Amino acid sequence: MGTLFVGGALTLTLSALAYPSMLGLDTVSASGDRIIANTQWGPLTESDRAFVVAVRAAGLWEYPVGQIGLQKGQSKGVITASQHLIDGHAALDTTCLKIAPMLNVTLPNVASPQQEGFVNTLKADQGKQFDVDFANILRMTHGSIFNTVAKIRSTTKNTLVRALADQANDTVLDHITVMEQTGLVDFDTTLFTQTTPPKLPKSDMTPPVPPAGQPLIVLTPPPTATATPVDIGAIVGNGG
Protein backbone atom coordinates (compact mmCIF):
# COMPACT_ATOMS: atom_id res chain seq x y z
CA MET A 1 0.00 0.00 0.00
CA GLY A 2 2.83 2.35 0.79
CA THR A 3 4.37 1.83 -2.65
CA LEU A 4 1.03 2.38 -4.36
CA PHE A 5 0.44 5.56 -2.42
CA VAL A 6 3.83 7.02 -3.32
CA GLY A 7 3.35 6.10 -6.96
CA GLY A 8 -0.12 7.65 -7.04
CA ALA A 9 1.11 10.80 -5.36
CA LEU A 10 3.95 11.05 -7.84
CA THR A 11 1.59 10.71 -10.80
CA LEU A 12 -0.63 13.46 -9.46
CA THR A 13 2.31 15.71 -8.76
CA LEU A 14 3.85 15.34 -12.20
CA SER A 15 0.51 15.67 -13.98
CA ALA A 16 -0.32 18.80 -12.08
CA LEU A 17 3.05 20.45 -12.48
CA ALA A 18 4.34 19.27 -15.86
CA TYR A 19 4.87 21.91 -18.47
CA PRO A 20 5.44 21.67 -22.23
CA SER A 21 9.06 22.03 -23.23
CA MET A 22 10.68 24.81 -21.20
CA LEU A 23 9.41 28.11 -19.87
CA GLY A 24 9.14 30.79 -22.54
CA LEU A 25 9.65 28.53 -25.53
CA ASP A 26 5.98 27.63 -25.62
CA THR A 27 4.91 31.25 -25.32
CA VAL A 28 6.46 32.65 -28.48
CA SER A 29 4.48 32.90 -31.69
CA ALA A 30 4.34 30.04 -34.16
CA SER A 31 6.87 31.95 -36.24
CA GLY A 32 9.63 31.65 -33.66
CA ASP A 33 12.19 32.12 -36.40
CA ARG A 34 11.07 35.74 -36.88
CA ILE A 35 14.12 37.99 -36.55
CA ILE A 36 13.64 40.61 -33.85
CA ALA A 37 17.14 42.11 -33.93
CA ASN A 38 20.28 42.07 -36.04
CA THR A 39 23.32 41.98 -33.79
CA GLN A 40 27.03 41.80 -34.47
CA TRP A 41 26.88 38.17 -33.31
CA GLY A 42 24.18 37.27 -35.81
CA PRO A 43 20.40 37.68 -36.08
CA LEU A 44 18.33 37.17 -32.94
CA THR A 45 14.98 35.40 -33.34
CA GLU A 46 11.99 35.18 -31.05
CA SER A 47 13.00 31.64 -30.16
CA ASP A 48 16.57 32.74 -29.42
CA ARG A 49 15.34 35.40 -27.02
CA ALA A 50 12.88 33.00 -25.37
CA PHE A 51 15.68 30.49 -24.91
CA VAL A 52 17.91 32.96 -23.04
CA VAL A 53 14.96 33.86 -20.78
CA ALA A 54 14.15 30.18 -20.28
CA VAL A 55 17.66 29.26 -19.18
CA ARG A 56 17.67 32.12 -16.70
CA ALA A 57 14.23 31.17 -15.35
CA ALA A 58 15.25 27.53 -14.97
CA GLY A 59 18.09 28.56 -12.72
CA LEU A 60 15.80 30.72 -10.62
CA TRP A 61 13.91 27.65 -9.41
CA GLU A 62 16.40 24.79 -9.81
CA TYR A 63 19.23 26.54 -7.95
CA PRO A 64 17.12 27.02 -4.78
CA VAL A 65 15.77 23.47 -5.17
CA GLY A 66 19.39 22.32 -5.10
CA GLN A 67 19.86 24.21 -1.86
CA ILE A 68 16.73 22.61 -0.42
CA GLY A 69 18.00 19.20 -1.54
CA LEU A 70 21.23 19.65 0.40
CA GLN A 71 19.16 20.23 3.54
CA LYS A 72 16.35 17.70 3.08
CA GLY A 73 17.82 14.99 0.87
CA GLN A 74 17.68 11.54 2.47
CA SER A 75 20.04 9.73 0.10
CA LYS A 76 23.55 10.26 -1.18
CA GLY A 77 22.24 10.33 -4.74
CA VAL A 78 19.89 13.23 -4.03
CA ILE A 79 22.64 15.15 -2.23
CA THR A 80 24.94 14.68 -5.23
CA ALA A 81 22.20 15.72 -7.67
CA SER A 82 21.53 18.83 -5.56
CA GLN A 83 25.19 19.81 -5.78
CA HIS A 84 25.05 19.44 -9.57
CA LEU A 85 21.95 21.67 -9.77
CA ILE A 86 23.64 24.46 -7.85
CA ASP A 87 26.92 24.15 -9.75
CA GLY A 88 25.42 23.89 -13.23
CA HIS A 89 22.84 26.64 -12.91
CA ALA A 90 25.25 29.08 -11.30
CA ALA A 91 27.49 28.75 -14.36
CA LEU A 92 24.57 28.99 -16.81
CA ASP A 93 23.27 32.05 -15.00
CA THR A 94 26.65 33.76 -15.26
CA THR A 95 26.53 33.25 -19.02
CA CYS A 96 22.96 34.56 -19.23
CA LEU A 97 23.85 37.67 -17.23
CA LYS A 98 26.75 38.34 -19.61
CA ILE A 99 24.99 37.86 -22.93
CA ALA A 100 21.54 39.30 -22.12
CA PRO A 101 22.62 42.97 -22.17
CA MET A 102 24.67 42.31 -25.31
CA LEU A 103 21.52 41.03 -27.02
CA ASN A 104 19.16 43.50 -25.33
CA VAL A 105 17.23 40.67 -23.67
CA THR A 106 15.35 41.44 -20.43
CA LEU A 107 15.88 38.69 -17.86
CA PRO A 108 13.40 37.72 -15.15
CA ASN A 109 14.21 37.92 -11.46
CA VAL A 110 11.56 35.40 -10.42
CA ALA A 111 10.64 32.05 -11.92
CA SER A 112 7.21 31.44 -13.47
CA PRO A 113 4.22 30.56 -11.25
CA GLN A 114 4.43 27.02 -12.60
CA GLN A 115 8.08 26.68 -11.64
CA GLU A 116 7.40 28.20 -8.23
CA GLY A 117 4.87 25.38 -7.87
CA PHE A 118 7.71 22.88 -8.21
CA VAL A 119 9.62 24.65 -5.46
CA ASN A 120 6.60 24.81 -3.14
CA THR A 121 5.88 21.11 -3.63
CA LEU A 122 9.42 20.17 -2.68
CA LYS A 123 9.44 22.56 0.27
CA ALA A 124 6.36 20.81 1.63
CA ASP A 125 7.69 17.28 1.09
CA GLN A 126 9.25 15.38 3.96
CA GLY A 127 11.47 12.32 4.23
CA LYS A 128 11.58 9.80 1.40
CA GLN A 129 8.73 11.56 -0.41
CA PHE A 130 11.04 14.53 -0.93
CA ASP A 131 13.68 12.36 -2.59
CA VAL A 132 11.12 10.67 -4.85
CA ASP A 133 9.47 13.90 -5.99
CA PHE A 134 12.83 15.64 -6.34
CA ALA A 135 14.26 13.01 -8.68
CA ASN A 136 11.12 12.59 -10.77
CA ILE A 137 10.14 16.24 -11.15
CA LEU A 138 13.66 17.21 -12.16
CA ARG A 139 14.12 14.22 -14.47
CA MET A 140 10.85 15.11 -16.18
CA THR A 141 11.63 18.80 -16.60
CA HIS A 142 15.15 18.21 -17.86
CA GLY A 143 13.93 15.54 -20.24
CA SER A 144 11.37 17.99 -21.60
CA ILE A 145 13.96 20.64 -22.43
CA PHE A 146 16.66 18.34 -23.79
CA ASN A 147 15.30 18.17 -27.35
CA THR A 148 14.51 21.87 -27.32
CA VAL A 149 18.10 22.76 -26.48
CA ALA A 150 19.24 20.66 -29.44
CA LYS A 151 16.77 22.43 -31.73
CA ILE A 152 18.00 25.87 -30.69
CA ARG A 153 21.61 24.74 -31.09
CA SER A 154 20.96 23.40 -34.60
CA THR A 155 18.94 26.37 -35.88
CA THR A 156 20.20 29.58 -34.27
CA LYS A 157 22.40 31.88 -36.34
CA ASN A 158 23.46 33.86 -33.28
CA THR A 159 26.92 33.01 -31.94
CA LEU A 160 26.13 33.95 -28.33
CA VAL A 161 22.91 31.93 -28.25
CA ARG A 162 24.73 28.99 -29.84
CA ALA A 163 27.38 29.12 -27.10
CA LEU A 164 24.69 29.21 -24.40
CA ALA A 165 22.97 26.23 -26.05
CA ASP A 166 26.24 24.28 -26.00
CA GLN A 167 26.61 24.93 -22.29
CA ALA A 168 22.93 24.19 -21.60
CA ASN A 169 23.14 20.91 -23.49
CA ASP A 170 26.03 19.70 -21.34
CA THR A 171 24.32 20.87 -18.15
CA VAL A 172 20.93 19.34 -18.91
CA LEU A 173 22.48 16.00 -19.85
CA ASP A 174 24.49 16.02 -16.63
CA HIS A 175 21.37 16.75 -14.58
CA ILE A 176 19.36 14.03 -16.34
CA THR A 177 22.15 11.59 -15.54
CA VAL A 178 22.43 12.42 -11.84
CA MET A 179 18.65 12.23 -11.41
CA GLU A 180 18.65 8.75 -12.94
CA GLN A 181 21.56 7.72 -10.74
CA THR A 182 19.43 8.33 -7.63
CA GLY A 183 17.61 5.10 -8.52
CA LEU A 184 14.29 6.83 -7.76
CA VAL A 185 13.05 7.75 -11.23
CA ASP A 186 9.74 6.15 -12.24
CA PHE A 187 10.41 6.09 -15.98
CA ASP A 188 6.92 5.06 -17.06
CA THR A 189 5.23 7.94 -15.25
CA THR A 190 7.96 10.49 -15.88
CA LEU A 191 8.31 9.82 -19.61
CA PHE A 192 4.54 9.74 -20.12
CA THR A 193 4.15 13.11 -18.42
CA GLN A 194 7.17 14.48 -20.25
CA THR A 195 5.73 13.64 -23.66
CA THR A 196 2.05 14.36 -22.98
CA PRO A 197 1.99 17.40 -20.68
CA PRO A 198 -1.28 19.21 -19.97
CA LYS A 199 -1.86 22.59 -21.59
CA LEU A 200 -1.56 25.39 -19.08
CA PRO A 201 -2.42 29.10 -19.23
CA LYS A 202 0.35 31.21 -20.71
CA SER A 203 0.44 33.26 -17.52
CA ASP A 204 1.45 30.17 -15.54
CA MET A 205 4.48 29.61 -17.75
CA THR A 206 5.70 33.20 -17.93
CA PRO A 207 7.97 34.80 -15.33
CA PRO A 208 7.11 38.37 -14.40
CA VAL A 209 9.21 41.16 -15.88
CA PRO A 210 11.26 42.74 -13.09
CA PRO A 211 10.50 46.36 -12.15
CA ALA A 212 12.68 48.90 -13.90
CA GLY A 213 15.95 49.41 -12.07
CA GLN A 214 15.63 46.32 -9.88
CA PRO A 215 19.05 44.69 -9.44
CA LEU A 216 19.24 41.24 -10.98
CA ILE A 217 19.57 38.30 -8.62
CA VAL A 218 22.91 36.54 -9.05
CA LEU A 219 23.19 32.78 -8.53
CA THR A 220 26.51 32.43 -6.71
CA PRO A 221 28.76 29.52 -7.74
CA PRO A 222 29.60 27.11 -4.89
CA PRO A 223 33.17 27.11 -3.52
CA THR A 224 33.73 23.71 -5.14
CA ALA A 225 32.32 24.72 -8.54
CA THR A 226 33.42 22.65 -11.52
CA ALA A 227 31.02 24.00 -14.16
CA THR A 228 32.32 27.00 -16.09
CA PRO A 229 30.47 29.79 -17.88
CA VAL A 230 30.96 30.54 -21.56
CA ASP A 231 34.14 32.50 -22.30
CA ILE A 232 32.45 35.51 -23.85
CA GLY A 233 35.76 37.30 -24.22
CA ALA A 234 37.02 34.57 -26.53
CA ILE A 235 33.88 34.84 -28.69
CA VAL A 236 34.13 38.62 -28.92
CA GLY A 237 37.85 38.39 -29.57
CA ASN A 238 37.21 36.03 -32.46
CA GLY A 239 34.77 38.45 -33.99
CA GLY A 240 31.66 36.48 -33.04
C-alpha atoms as a PDB file:
ATOM      1  CA  MET A   1       0.000   0.000   0.000  1.00  0.00           C
ATOM      2  CA  GLY A   2       2.829   2.353   0.785  1.00  0.00           C
ATOM      3  CA  THR A   3       4.367   1.826  -2.650  1.00  0.00           C
ATOM      4  CA  LEU A   4       1.028   2.375  -4.357  1.00  0.00           C
ATOM      5  CA  PHE A   5       0.444   5.562  -2.419  1.00  0.00           C
ATOM      6  CA  VAL A   6       3.832   7.018  -3.319  1.00  0.00           C
ATOM      7  CA  GLY A   7       3.348   6.101  -6.965  1.00  0.00           C
ATOM      8  CA  GLY A   8      -0.116   7.651  -7.038  1.00  0.00           C
ATOM      9  CA  ALA A   9       1.109  10.797  -5.363  1.00  0.00           C
ATOM     10  CA  LEU A  10       3.947  11.051  -7.835  1.00  0.00           C
ATOM     11  CA  THR A  11       1.587  10.708 -10.802  1.00  0.00           C
ATOM     12  CA  LEU A  12      -0.632  13.455  -9.464  1.00  0.00           C
ATOM     13  CA  THR A  13       2.315  15.714  -8.760  1.00  0.00           C
ATOM     14  CA  LEU A  14       3.845  15.341 -12.202  1.00  0.00           C
ATOM     15  CA  SER A  15       0.510  15.671 -13.985  1.00  0.00           C
ATOM     16  CA  ALA A  16      -0.323  18.805 -12.081  1.00  0.00           C
ATOM     17  CA  LEU A  17       3.052  20.452 -12.477  1.00  0.00           C
ATOM     18  CA  ALA A  18       4.339  19.272 -15.859  1.00  0.00           C
ATOM     19  CA  TYR A  19       4.868  21.911 -18.473  1.00  0.00           C
ATOM     20  CA  PRO A  20       5.444  21.671 -22.227  1.00  0.00           C
ATOM     21  CA  SER A  21       9.062  22.034 -23.231  1.00  0.00           C
ATOM     22  CA  MET A  22      10.681  24.806 -21.198  1.00  0.00           C
ATOM     23  CA  LEU A  23       9.406  28.108 -19.870  1.00  0.00           C
ATOM     24  CA  GLY A  24       9.136  30.788 -22.536  1.00  0.00           C
ATOM     25  CA  LEU A  25       9.648  28.531 -25.533  1.00  0.00           C
ATOM     26  CA  ASP A  26       5.981  27.626 -25.616  1.00  0.00           C
ATOM     27  CA  THR A  27       4.907  31.253 -25.320  1.00  0.00           C
ATOM     28  CA  VAL A  28       6.461  32.651 -28.479  1.00  0.00           C
ATOM     29  CA  SER A  29       4.482  32.897 -31.686  1.00  0.00           C
ATOM     30  CA  ALA A  30       4.342  30.044 -34.161  1.00  0.00           C
ATOM     31  CA  SER A  31       6.874  31.950 -36.240  1.00  0.00           C
ATOM     32  CA  GLY A  32       9.633  31.650 -33.663  1.00  0.00           C
ATOM     33  CA  ASP A  33      12.190  32.124 -36.397  1.00  0.00           C
ATOM     34  CA  ARG A  34      11.074  35.739 -36.883  1.00  0.00           C
ATOM     35  CA  ILE A  35      14.122  37.994 -36.547  1.00  0.00           C
ATOM     36  CA  ILE A  36      13.638  40.606 -33.847  1.00  0.00           C
ATOM     37  CA  ALA A  37      17.141  42.111 -33.928  1.00  0.00           C
ATOM     38  CA  ASN A  38      20.277  42.073 -36.045  1.00  0.00           C
ATOM     39  CA  THR A  39      23.315  41.979 -33.788  1.00  0.00           C
ATOM     40  CA  GLN A  40      27.028  41.805 -34.470  1.00  0.00           C
ATOM     41  CA  TRP A  41      26.878  38.172 -33.315  1.00  0.00           C
ATOM     42  CA  GLY A  42      24.182  37.268 -35.814  1.00  0.00           C
ATOM     43  CA  PRO A  43      20.404  37.683 -36.082  1.00  0.00           C
ATOM     44  CA  LEU A  44      18.328  37.168 -32.943  1.00  0.00           C
ATOM     45  CA  THR A  45      14.982  35.403 -33.341  1.00  0.00           C
ATOM     46  CA  GLU A  46      11.988  35.179 -31.048  1.00  0.00           C
ATOM     47  CA  SER A  47      13.002  31.636 -30.162  1.00  0.00           C
ATOM     48  CA  ASP A  48      16.569  32.743 -29.415  1.00  0.00           C
ATOM     49  CA  ARG A  49      15.339  35.404 -27.022  1.00  0.00           C
ATOM     50  CA  ALA A  50      12.883  33.000 -25.374  1.00  0.00           C
ATOM     51  CA  PHE A  51      15.680  30.488 -24.908  1.00  0.00           C
ATOM     52  CA  VAL A  52      17.906  32.956 -23.037  1.00  0.00           C
ATOM     53  CA  VAL A  53      14.964  33.864 -20.784  1.00  0.00           C
ATOM     54  CA  ALA A  54      14.145  30.182 -20.285  1.00  0.00           C
ATOM     55  CA  VAL A  55      17.665  29.264 -19.184  1.00  0.00           C
ATOM     56  CA  ARG A  56      17.671  32.124 -16.698  1.00  0.00           C
ATOM     57  CA  ALA A  57      14.226  31.174 -15.349  1.00  0.00           C
ATOM     58  CA  ALA A  58      15.251  27.534 -14.974  1.00  0.00           C
ATOM     59  CA  GLY A  59      18.094  28.563 -12.719  1.00  0.00           C
ATOM     60  CA  LEU A  60      15.795  30.720 -10.621  1.00  0.00           C
ATOM     61  CA  TRP A  61      13.913  27.653  -9.415  1.00  0.00           C
ATOM     62  CA  GLU A  62      16.398  24.788  -9.808  1.00  0.00           C
ATOM     63  CA  TYR A  63      19.230  26.539  -7.951  1.00  0.00           C
ATOM     64  CA  PRO A  64      17.123  27.019  -4.780  1.00  0.00           C
ATOM     65  CA  VAL A  65      15.770  23.471  -5.169  1.00  0.00           C
ATOM     66  CA  GLY A  66      19.390  22.315  -5.105  1.00  0.00           C
ATOM     67  CA  GLN A  67      19.865  24.210  -1.862  1.00  0.00           C
ATOM     68  CA  ILE A  68      16.734  22.611  -0.420  1.00  0.00           C
ATOM     69  CA  GLY A  69      17.996  19.200  -1.537  1.00  0.00           C
ATOM     70  CA  LEU A  70      21.227  19.647   0.396  1.00  0.00           C
ATOM     71  CA  GLN A  71      19.164  20.227   3.538  1.00  0.00           C
ATOM     72  CA  LYS A  72      16.355  17.697   3.077  1.00  0.00           C
ATOM     73  CA  GLY A  73      17.825  14.988   0.868  1.00  0.00           C
ATOM     74  CA  GLN A  74      17.681  11.538   2.468  1.00  0.00           C
ATOM     75  CA  SER A  75      20.042   9.728   0.102  1.00  0.00           C
ATOM     76  CA  LYS A  76      23.555  10.261  -1.181  1.00  0.00           C
ATOM     77  CA  GLY A  77      22.239  10.329  -4.741  1.00  0.00           C
ATOM     78  CA  VAL A  78      19.891  13.229  -4.026  1.00  0.00           C
ATOM     79  CA  ILE A  79      22.638  15.148  -2.230  1.00  0.00           C
ATOM     80  CA  THR A  80      24.941  14.680  -5.231  1.00  0.00           C
ATOM     81  CA  ALA A  81      22.202  15.721  -7.665  1.00  0.00           C
ATOM     82  CA  SER A  82      21.530  18.828  -5.559  1.00  0.00           C
ATOM     83  CA  GLN A  83      25.185  19.806  -5.781  1.00  0.00           C
ATOM     84  CA  HIS A  84      25.046  19.435  -9.567  1.00  0.00           C
ATOM     85  CA  LEU A  85      21.947  21.665  -9.773  1.00  0.00           C
ATOM     86  CA  ILE A  86      23.644  24.464  -7.853  1.00  0.00           C
ATOM     87  CA  ASP A  87      26.923  24.148  -9.752  1.00  0.00           C
ATOM     88  CA  GLY A  88      25.424  23.886 -13.227  1.00  0.00           C
ATOM     89  CA  HIS A  89      22.844  26.639 -12.910  1.00  0.00           C
ATOM     90  CA  ALA A  90      25.250  29.083 -11.303  1.00  0.00           C
ATOM     91  CA  ALA A  91      27.489  28.748 -14.365  1.00  0.00           C
ATOM     92  CA  LEU A  92      24.573  28.990 -16.810  1.00  0.00           C
ATOM     93  CA  ASP A  93      23.275  32.048 -14.998  1.00  0.00           C
ATOM     94  CA  THR A  94      26.649  33.760 -15.261  1.00  0.00           C
ATOM     95  CA  THR A  95      26.532  33.255 -19.023  1.00  0.00           C
ATOM     96  CA  CYS A  96      22.959  34.560 -19.229  1.00  0.00           C
ATOM     97  CA  LEU A  97      23.851  37.667 -17.235  1.00  0.00           C
ATOM     98  CA  LYS A  98      26.748  38.338 -19.611  1.00  0.00           C
ATOM     99  CA  ILE A  99      24.991  37.860 -22.935  1.00  0.00           C
ATOM    100  CA  ALA A 100      21.543  39.297 -22.118  1.00  0.00           C
ATOM    101  CA  PRO A 101      22.616  42.965 -22.173  1.00  0.00           C
ATOM    102  CA  MET A 102      24.667  42.309 -25.308  1.00  0.00           C
ATOM    103  CA  LEU A 103      21.518  41.031 -27.024  1.00  0.00           C
ATOM    104  CA  ASN A 104      19.156  43.502 -25.328  1.00  0.00           C
ATOM    105  CA  VAL A 105      17.229  40.674 -23.668  1.00  0.00           C
ATOM    106  CA  THR A 106      15.351  41.438 -20.432  1.00  0.00           C
ATOM    107  CA  LEU A 107      15.884  38.692 -17.860  1.00  0.00           C
ATOM    108  CA  PRO A 108      13.401  37.720 -15.154  1.00  0.00           C
ATOM    109  CA  ASN A 109      14.208  37.918 -11.462  1.00  0.00           C
ATOM    110  CA  VAL A 110      11.559  35.403 -10.424  1.00  0.00           C
ATOM    111  CA  ALA A 111      10.640  32.045 -11.921  1.00  0.00           C
ATOM    112  CA  SER A 112       7.215  31.438 -13.468  1.00  0.00           C
ATOM    113  CA  PRO A 113       4.216  30.559 -11.254  1.00  0.00           C
ATOM    114  CA  GLN A 114       4.430  27.021 -12.600  1.00  0.00           C
ATOM    115  CA  GLN A 115       8.084  26.685 -11.640  1.00  0.00           C
ATOM    116  CA  GLU A 116       7.405  28.200  -8.230  1.00  0.00           C
ATOM    117  CA  GLY A 117       4.872  25.383  -7.874  1.00  0.00           C
ATOM    118  CA  PHE A 118       7.705  22.881  -8.212  1.00  0.00           C
ATOM    119  CA  VAL A 119       9.616  24.647  -5.461  1.00  0.00           C
ATOM    120  CA  ASN A 120       6.601  24.814  -3.143  1.00  0.00           C
ATOM    121  CA  THR A 121       5.880  21.108  -3.630  1.00  0.00           C
ATOM    122  CA  LEU A 122       9.420  20.169  -2.679  1.00  0.00           C
ATOM    123  CA  LYS A 123       9.442  22.563   0.268  1.00  0.00           C
ATOM    124  CA  ALA A 124       6.362  20.812   1.631  1.00  0.00           C
ATOM    125  CA  ASP A 125       7.687  17.280   1.088  1.00  0.00           C
ATOM    126  CA  GLN A 126       9.253  15.384   3.961  1.00  0.00           C
ATOM    127  CA  GLY A 127      11.475  12.324   4.231  1.00  0.00           C
ATOM    128  CA  LYS A 128      11.579   9.803   1.397  1.00  0.00           C
ATOM    129  CA  GLN A 129       8.735  11.557  -0.413  1.00  0.00           C
ATOM    130  CA  PHE A 130      11.045  14.531  -0.934  1.00  0.00           C
ATOM    131  CA  ASP A 131      13.677  12.360  -2.594  1.00  0.00           C
ATOM    132  CA  VAL A 132      11.124  10.665  -4.851  1.00  0.00           C
ATOM    133  CA  ASP A 133       9.466  13.902  -5.994  1.00  0.00           C
ATOM    134  CA  PHE A 134      12.833  15.643  -6.344  1.00  0.00           C
ATOM    135  CA  ALA A 135      14.256  13.006  -8.682  1.00  0.00           C
ATOM    136  CA  ASN A 136      11.122  12.586 -10.767  1.00  0.00           C
ATOM    137  CA  ILE A 137      10.140  16.235 -11.154  1.00  0.00           C
ATOM    138  CA  LEU A 138      13.656  17.206 -12.158  1.00  0.00           C
ATOM    139  CA  ARG A 139      14.123  14.223 -14.468  1.00  0.00           C
ATOM    140  CA  MET A 140      10.847  15.110 -16.182  1.00  0.00           C
ATOM    141  CA  THR A 141      11.634  18.805 -16.603  1.00  0.00           C
ATOM    142  CA  HIS A 142      15.154  18.212 -17.860  1.00  0.00           C
ATOM    143  CA  GLY A 143      13.933  15.539 -20.241  1.00  0.00           C
ATOM    144  CA  SER A 144      11.370  17.993 -21.595  1.00  0.00           C
ATOM    145  CA  ILE A 145      13.964  20.637 -22.427  1.00  0.00           C
ATOM    146  CA  PHE A 146      16.658  18.342 -23.791  1.00  0.00           C
ATOM    147  CA  ASN A 147      15.303  18.167 -27.352  1.00  0.00           C
ATOM    148  CA  THR A 148      14.514  21.875 -27.325  1.00  0.00           C
ATOM    149  CA  VAL A 149      18.100  22.762 -26.480  1.00  0.00           C
ATOM    150  CA  ALA A 150      19.237  20.661 -29.437  1.00  0.00           C
ATOM    151  CA  LYS A 151      16.766  22.430 -31.731  1.00  0.00           C
ATOM    152  CA  ILE A 152      18.000  25.868 -30.692  1.00  0.00           C
ATOM    153  CA  ARG A 153      21.605  24.743 -31.095  1.00  0.00           C
ATOM    154  CA  SER A 154      20.962  23.401 -34.599  1.00  0.00           C
ATOM    155  CA  THR A 155      18.940  26.369 -35.879  1.00  0.00           C
ATOM    156  CA  THR A 156      20.197  29.578 -34.275  1.00  0.00           C
ATOM    157  CA  LYS A 157      22.396  31.883 -36.339  1.00  0.00           C
ATOM    158  CA  ASN A 158      23.464  33.859 -33.280  1.00  0.00           C
ATOM    159  CA  THR A 159      26.924  33.013 -31.938  1.00  0.00           C
ATOM    160  CA  LEU A 160      26.128  33.953 -28.330  1.00  0.00           C
ATOM    161  CA  VAL A 161      22.911  31.931 -28.253  1.00  0.00           C
ATOM    162  CA  ARG A 162      24.731  28.994 -29.839  1.00  0.00           C
ATOM    163  CA  ALA A 163      27.379  29.116 -27.104  1.00  0.00           C
ATOM    164  CA  LEU A 164      24.691  29.214 -24.405  1.00  0.00           C
ATOM    165  CA  ALA A 165      22.966  26.232 -26.045  1.00  0.00           C
ATOM    166  CA  ASP A 166      26.238  24.278 -26.001  1.00  0.00           C
ATOM    167  CA  GLN A 167      26.606  24.930 -22.290  1.00  0.00           C
ATOM    168  CA  ALA A 168      22.932  24.195 -21.597  1.00  0.00           C
ATOM    169  CA  ASN A 169      23.144  20.906 -23.490  1.00  0.00           C
ATOM    170  CA  ASP A 170      26.029  19.702 -21.338  1.00  0.00           C
ATOM    171  CA  THR A 171      24.324  20.873 -18.153  1.00  0.00           C
ATOM    172  CA  VAL A 172      20.927  19.343 -18.913  1.00  0.00           C
ATOM    173  CA  LEU A 173      22.476  15.997 -19.847  1.00  0.00           C
ATOM    174  CA  ASP A 174      24.491  16.016 -16.627  1.00  0.00           C
ATOM    175  CA  HIS A 175      21.369  16.755 -14.582  1.00  0.00           C
ATOM    176  CA  ILE A 176      19.364  14.033 -16.339  1.00  0.00           C
ATOM    177  CA  THR A 177      22.154  11.592 -15.539  1.00  0.00           C
ATOM    178  CA  VAL A 178      22.432  12.422 -11.836  1.00  0.00           C
ATOM    179  CA  MET A 179      18.654  12.234 -11.411  1.00  0.00           C
ATOM    180  CA  GLU A 180      18.654   8.755 -12.942  1.00  0.00           C
ATOM    181  CA  GLN A 181      21.561   7.724 -10.737  1.00  0.00           C
ATOM    182  CA  THR A 182      19.434   8.334  -7.631  1.00  0.00           C
ATOM    183  CA  GLY A 183      17.610   5.098  -8.517  1.00  0.00           C
ATOM    184  CA  LEU A 184      14.293   6.828  -7.760  1.00  0.00           C
ATOM    185  CA  VAL A 185      13.048   7.752 -11.229  1.00  0.00           C
ATOM    186  CA  ASP A 186       9.743   6.149 -12.242  1.00  0.00           C
ATOM    187  CA  PHE A 187      10.413   6.093 -15.984  1.00  0.00           C
ATOM    188  CA  ASP A 188       6.918   5.064 -17.060  1.00  0.00           C
ATOM    189  CA  THR A 189       5.227   7.937 -15.251  1.00  0.00           C
ATOM    190  CA  THR A 190       7.960  10.486 -15.884  1.00  0.00           C
ATOM    191  CA  LEU A 191       8.307   9.824 -19.607  1.00  0.00           C
ATOM    192  CA  PHE A 192       4.537   9.736 -20.122  1.00  0.00           C
ATOM    193  CA  THR A 193       4.150  13.106 -18.418  1.00  0.00           C
ATOM    194  CA  GLN A 194       7.166  14.482 -20.248  1.00  0.00           C
ATOM    195  CA  THR A 195       5.727  13.637 -23.663  1.00  0.00           C
ATOM    196  CA  THR A 196       2.052  14.359 -22.980  1.00  0.00           C
ATOM    197  CA  PRO A 197       1.987  17.398 -20.684  1.00  0.00           C
ATOM    198  CA  PRO A 198      -1.277  19.210 -19.973  1.00  0.00           C
ATOM    199  CA  LYS A 199      -1.856  22.586 -21.588  1.00  0.00           C
ATOM    200  CA  LEU A 200      -1.562  25.386 -19.078  1.00  0.00           C
ATOM    201  CA  PRO A 201      -2.423  29.101 -19.231  1.00  0.00           C
ATOM    202  CA  LYS A 202       0.346  31.212 -20.713  1.00  0.00           C
ATOM    203  CA  SER A 203       0.438  33.263 -17.522  1.00  0.00           C
ATOM    204  CA  ASP A 204       1.449  30.167 -15.541  1.00  0.00           C
ATOM    205  CA  MET A 205       4.475  29.607 -17.753  1.00  0.00           C
ATOM    206  CA  THR A 206       5.698  33.203 -17.929  1.00  0.00           C
ATOM    207  CA  PRO A 207       7.974  34.796 -15.326  1.00  0.00           C
ATOM    208  CA  PRO A 208       7.107  38.368 -14.398  1.00  0.00           C
ATOM    209  CA  VAL A 209       9.206  41.158 -15.882  1.00  0.00           C
ATOM    210  CA  PRO A 210      11.256  42.744 -13.091  1.00  0.00           C
ATOM    211  CA  PRO A 211      10.495  46.356 -12.152  1.00  0.00           C
ATOM    212  CA  ALA A 212      12.679  48.903 -13.899  1.00  0.00           C
ATOM    213  CA  GLY A 213      15.951  49.414 -12.065  1.00  0.00           C
ATOM    214  CA  GLN A 214      15.628  46.322  -9.879  1.00  0.00           C
ATOM    215  CA  PRO A 215      19.054  44.690  -9.445  1.00  0.00           C
ATOM    216  CA  LEU A 216      19.237  41.245 -10.981  1.00  0.00           C
ATOM    217  CA  ILE A 217      19.570  38.299  -8.616  1.00  0.00           C
ATOM    218  CA  VAL A 218      22.907  36.536  -9.045  1.00  0.00           C
ATOM    219  CA  LEU A 219      23.192  32.781  -8.529  1.00  0.00           C
ATOM    220  CA  THR A 220      26.506  32.430  -6.714  1.00  0.00           C
ATOM    221  CA  PRO A 221      28.763  29.518  -7.736  1.00  0.00           C
ATOM    222  CA  PRO A 222      29.600  27.113  -4.892  1.00  0.00           C
ATOM    223  CA  PRO A 223      33.174  27.111  -3.520  1.00  0.00           C
ATOM    224  CA  THR A 224      33.731  23.711  -5.141  1.00  0.00           C
ATOM    225  CA  ALA A 225      32.319  24.719  -8.538  1.00  0.00           C
ATOM    226  CA  THR A 226      33.416  22.649 -11.516  1.00  0.00           C
ATOM    227  CA  ALA A 227      31.015  24.000 -14.160  1.00  0.00           C
ATOM    228  CA  THR A 228      32.318  26.996 -16.088  1.00  0.00           C
ATOM    229  CA  PRO A 229      30.465  29.791 -17.884  1.00  0.00           C
ATOM    230  CA  VAL A 230      30.960  30.539 -21.561  1.00  0.00           C
ATOM    231  CA  ASP A 231      34.142  32.499 -22.302  1.00  0.00           C
ATOM    232  CA  ILE A 232      32.451  35.513 -23.850  1.00  0.00           C
ATOM    233  CA  GLY A 233      35.762  37.296 -24.220  1.00  0.00           C
ATOM    234  CA  ALA A 234      37.015  34.572 -26.535  1.00  0.00           C
ATOM    235  CA  ILE A 235      33.883  34.842 -28.686  1.00  0.00           C
ATOM    236  CA  VAL A 236      34.126  38.618 -28.918  1.00  0.00           C
ATOM    237  CA  GLY A 237      37.849  38.388 -29.574  1.00  0.00           C
ATOM    238  CA  ASN A 238      37.205  36.027 -32.459  1.00  0.00           C
ATOM    239  CA  GLY A 239      34.771  38.449 -33.987  1.00  0.00           C
ATOM    240  CA  GLY A 240      31.655  36.479 -33.043  1.00  0.00           C
END
